[in-house]
Amino acid sequence: MAYPWGDDRRYNSYSGYFRRLFGFRVQKLSVHAGFTCPNRDGTLSSGGCTFCDNAAFSPSYCTPDKSVRRQLEEGIEFHRRRYRSAERYLAYFQSFSNTYAPLERLKEVFSQAFELPEVAGIVVGTRPDCIDGPKLDYFARLAETRYVAIEYGIESCYDATLRSVNRGHDFACARRAVEMTSERGIRTGAHFILGLPGETPAMMEASVGAINSLALDTVKF
């Protein structure tokens, strides 16, 4: 059977969503902008979350010693050889917490992404405790003319689980961040990890209701 999003998969895929939105293939390019995290710099902790390993998903061109623009240029060249059907790109600020800095620093970083005409927008990965009203107002202004999405690492709906993985925030914090982002009209995403230690299949199933209650446009499991 065909679902409302136009294919026979039971979920609305991210790639399909982008193709319908832009009318062509869009490729995400990882960028390491040199941000850190309050769970690593001693503000909350120095050990980070128990599951965190940024090296596991960072491509070779993606290193903070290069400017954002240079990383994007190298990423575009790499993906042009590998994915020749991609017509535009999204700068994916993936490593660590990409709103964990003063607003002026954020403006300096994200403006570099839009120097390249091939870049259609940005996807900003961050923590729900690293956002505030002025930063969201800035992203909302960007979103008036560009594709802008903020993806929050929420990981679990259960506070006991969040404590056990040394997350440093609770689920109520995540809910507030999602609400503040969505109400400004910014595309809002969340990441969850299924099967964290201590969570049973019944708990994972029960978390569906909590996840569905959030004003999310995208979800990554």
Protein backbone atom coordinates (compact mmCIF):
# COMPACT_ATOMS: atom_id res chain seq x y z
CA MET A 1 0.00 0.00 0.00
CA ALA A 2 1.05 3.61 -0.53
CA TYR A 3 1.28 5.86 2.50
CA PRO A 4 0.57 9.63 2.48
CA TRP A 5 4.27 10.38 1.93
CA GLY A 6 4.21 8.59 -1.42
CA ASP A 7 5.93 5.21 -0.98
CA ASP A 8 5.27 1.82 0.60
CA ARG A 9 7.53 2.23 3.65
CA ARG A 10 5.69 2.46 6.95
CA TYR A 11 7.68 5.51 7.96
CA ASN A 12 8.24 8.89 6.34
CA SER A 13 11.95 8.71 5.51
CA TYR A 14 14.31 11.65 5.94
CA SER A 15 15.62 11.34 2.38
CA GLY A 16 12.10 11.26 0.98
CA TYR A 17 11.13 14.28 3.06
CA PHE A 18 14.05 16.29 1.64
CA ARG A 19 13.31 15.22 -1.92
CA ARG A 20 9.70 16.38 -1.62
CA LEU A 21 10.71 19.61 0.13
CA PHE A 22 13.46 20.63 -2.30
CA GLY A 23 12.39 18.76 -5.42
CA PHE A 24 15.76 17.02 -5.75
CA ARG A 25 18.31 15.04 -3.74
CA VAL A 26 19.95 16.90 -0.85
CA GLN A 27 23.03 15.56 0.95
CA LYS A 28 23.97 16.35 4.55
CA LEU A 29 27.63 17.25 5.10
CA SER A 30 29.06 16.82 8.60
CA VAL A 31 30.91 19.83 10.01
CA HIS A 32 33.06 20.02 13.15
CA ALA A 33 32.97 23.65 14.24
CA GLY A 34 35.18 23.22 17.29
CA PHE A 35 32.48 23.46 19.94
CA THR A 36 32.70 21.44 23.12
CA CYS A 37 30.05 20.39 25.62
CA PRO A 38 29.14 21.29 29.22
CA ASN A 39 29.33 17.60 29.97
CA ARG A 40 33.00 17.56 28.94
CA ASP A 41 34.48 20.92 29.91
CA GLY A 42 33.77 20.56 33.62
CA THR A 43 30.60 22.67 33.76
CA LEU A 44 28.50 19.56 34.40
CA SER A 45 31.08 16.82 34.09
CA SER A 46 34.39 16.06 32.46
CA GLY A 47 33.64 12.52 31.31
CA GLY A 48 30.86 13.15 28.83
CA CYS A 49 27.91 10.86 28.24
CA THR A 50 28.76 7.17 28.53
CA PHE A 51 27.87 6.51 24.86
CA CYS A 52 29.62 9.48 23.25
CA ASP A 53 32.32 8.85 20.63
CA ASN A 54 32.40 11.60 18.01
CA ALA A 55 35.24 9.92 16.11
CA ALA A 56 32.87 7.09 15.25
CA PHE A 57 30.80 9.24 12.88
CA SER A 58 33.15 12.04 11.77
CA PRO A 59 34.44 11.77 8.16
CA SER A 60 38.13 12.35 7.48
CA TYR A 61 37.66 15.88 6.09
CA CYS A 62 35.72 16.93 9.19
CA THR A 63 38.26 18.35 11.66
CA PRO A 64 38.10 21.54 13.74
CA ASP A 65 41.51 22.76 12.58
CA LYS A 66 39.84 23.61 9.24
CA SER A 67 37.37 26.43 8.76
CA VAL A 68 33.69 25.60 8.33
CA ARG A 69 33.89 26.74 4.72
CA ARG A 70 36.90 24.52 3.95
CA GLN A 71 35.24 21.46 5.51
CA LEU A 72 32.16 22.08 3.39
CA GLU A 73 34.19 22.55 0.22
CA GLU A 74 36.04 19.27 0.83
CA GLY A 75 32.78 17.53 1.77
CA ILE A 76 31.08 18.72 -1.41
CA GLU A 77 33.99 17.47 -3.52
CA PHE A 78 33.93 14.09 -1.76
CA HIS A 79 30.18 13.63 -2.13
CA ARG A 80 30.15 14.80 -5.73
CA ARG A 81 32.32 11.79 -6.53
CA ARG A 82 30.28 9.41 -4.37
CA TYR A 83 26.71 10.74 -4.72
CA ARG A 84 26.57 12.41 -8.09
CA SER A 85 22.80 12.89 -7.94
CA ALA A 86 22.98 15.35 -5.02
CA GLU A 87 22.20 18.88 -6.22
CA ARG A 88 22.37 20.84 -2.96
CA TYR A 89 23.81 20.29 0.50
CA LEU A 90 22.94 20.85 4.13
CA ALA A 91 25.72 21.73 6.58
CA TYR A 92 25.26 19.30 9.46
CA PHE A 93 26.88 20.62 12.61
CA GLN A 94 27.04 17.25 14.29
CA SER A 95 29.97 17.01 16.69
CA PHE A 96 29.40 17.97 20.34
CA SER A 97 27.00 20.80 21.31
CA ASN A 98 26.75 23.34 18.51
CA THR A 99 24.92 26.06 20.41
CA TYR A 100 27.29 25.93 23.40
CA ALA A 101 28.90 29.33 22.87
CA PRO A 102 27.97 33.03 23.01
CA LEU A 103 25.56 34.20 20.32
CA GLU A 104 28.21 36.23 18.49
CA ARG A 105 30.34 33.10 18.13
CA LEU A 106 27.35 31.21 16.72
CA LYS A 107 26.74 33.93 14.14
CA GLU A 108 30.39 33.78 13.07
CA VAL A 109 30.29 30.00 12.65
CA PHE A 110 26.95 29.54 10.91
CA SER A 111 27.39 32.47 8.52
CA GLN A 112 30.31 30.59 6.94
CA ALA A 113 27.99 27.81 5.82
CA PHE A 114 25.96 30.23 3.73
CA GLU A 115 28.99 31.56 1.88
CA LEU A 116 28.71 28.60 -0.50
CA PRO A 117 25.83 28.71 -3.02
CA GLU A 118 25.57 24.90 -2.96
CA VAL A 119 24.52 24.99 0.71
CA ALA A 120 20.74 25.12 1.06
CA GLY A 121 20.63 25.23 4.83
CA ILE A 122 21.96 24.04 8.16
CA VAL A 123 21.14 21.26 10.61
CA VAL A 124 22.38 22.03 14.12
CA GLY A 125 22.92 19.22 16.61
CA THR A 126 22.95 20.28 20.26
CA ARG A 127 21.81 19.58 23.81
CA PRO A 128 18.49 20.88 25.18
CA ASP A 129 20.30 22.66 28.02
CA CYS A 130 22.47 24.65 25.57
CA ILE A 131 19.76 26.82 24.04
CA ASP A 132 17.99 30.01 25.04
CA GLY A 133 15.58 32.60 23.65
CA PRO A 134 18.09 34.95 21.96
CA LYS A 135 19.84 32.05 20.21
CA LEU A 136 16.53 30.65 19.01
CA ASP A 137 15.46 34.10 17.79
CA TYR A 138 18.64 34.20 15.70
CA PHE A 139 17.90 30.79 14.17
CA ALA A 140 14.29 31.85 13.51
CA ARG A 141 15.52 34.83 11.51
CA LEU A 142 17.81 32.57 9.49
CA ALA A 143 14.90 30.19 8.88
CA GLU A 144 12.91 32.94 7.16
CA THR A 145 15.06 32.52 4.04
CA ARG A 146 16.99 29.25 4.55
CA TYR A 147 16.39 25.70 5.67
CA VAL A 148 17.23 25.58 9.37
CA ALA A 149 16.71 22.62 11.68
CA ILE A 150 17.80 22.08 15.27
CA GLU A 151 18.24 18.49 16.44
CA TYR A 152 18.34 17.82 20.16
CA GLY A 153 20.03 14.86 21.76
CA ILE A 154 17.30 13.73 24.14
CA GLU A 155 18.27 10.01 24.21
CA SER A 156 15.62 8.81 26.67
CA CYS A 157 12.28 9.85 28.17
CA TYR A 158 13.29 8.41 31.55
CA ASP A 159 15.18 10.55 34.04
CA ALA A 160 16.70 7.52 35.74
CA THR A 161 18.20 6.43 32.41
CA LEU A 162 19.50 9.92 31.72
CA ARG A 163 21.24 9.95 35.09
CA SER A 164 22.75 6.51 34.52
CA VAL A 165 24.36 7.57 31.21
CA ASN A 166 25.64 10.82 32.78
CA ARG A 167 23.50 12.94 30.48
CA GLY A 168 23.34 15.97 32.76
CA HIS A 169 19.75 17.06 32.02
CA ASP A 170 16.30 15.64 32.57
CA PHE A 171 13.42 15.01 30.18
CA ALA A 172 11.59 18.16 31.32
CA CYS A 173 14.56 20.20 30.07
CA ALA A 174 14.29 18.50 26.68
CA ARG A 175 10.55 19.18 26.49
CA ARG A 176 11.08 22.88 27.20
CA ALA A 177 13.77 23.17 24.52
CA VAL A 178 11.58 21.48 21.92
CA GLU A 179 8.63 23.72 22.76
CA MET A 180 10.72 26.91 22.60
CA THR A 181 12.14 25.88 19.23
CA SER A 182 8.91 24.71 17.62
CA GLU A 183 6.91 27.75 18.70
CA ARG A 184 9.33 29.93 16.73
CA GLY A 185 8.63 27.97 13.56
CA ILE A 186 12.07 26.32 13.46
CA ARG A 187 12.18 22.73 12.24
CA THR A 188 12.79 20.64 15.33
CA GLY A 189 14.29 17.16 15.60
CA ALA A 190 15.31 14.79 18.37
CA HIS A 191 17.64 11.82 18.78
CA PHE A 192 16.77 8.85 20.99
CA ILE A 193 18.74 5.71 21.84
CA LEU A 194 16.62 2.60 22.25
CA GLY A 195 17.78 -0.08 24.66
CA LEU A 196 19.97 1.93 26.99
CA PRO A 197 20.97 -0.07 30.08
CA GLY A 198 18.06 -0.60 32.44
CA GLU A 199 15.31 0.06 29.90
CA THR A 200 13.04 -2.87 29.12
CA PRO A 201 11.07 -3.44 25.89
CA ALA A 202 7.94 -2.41 27.81
CA MET A 203 9.59 0.86 28.83
CA MET A 204 10.62 1.56 25.25
CA GLU A 205 7.08 0.93 24.04
CA ALA A 206 5.67 3.16 26.77
CA SER A 207 7.99 5.98 25.74
CA VAL A 208 6.22 6.27 22.38
CA GLY A 209 3.48 8.37 23.94
CA ALA A 210 5.97 10.80 25.46
CA ILE A 211 7.84 11.14 22.17
CA ASN A 212 4.62 11.68 20.22
CA SER A 213 3.63 14.44 22.65
CA LEU A 214 6.67 16.50 21.63
CA ALA A 215 6.35 19.08 18.83
CA LEU A 216 8.89 17.34 16.60
CA ASP A 217 9.29 17.37 12.84
CA THR A 218 11.94 14.63 12.72
CA VAL A 219 13.02 11.79 14.99
CA LYS A 220 16.20 9.70 14.82
CA PHE A 221 16.36 6.40 16.70
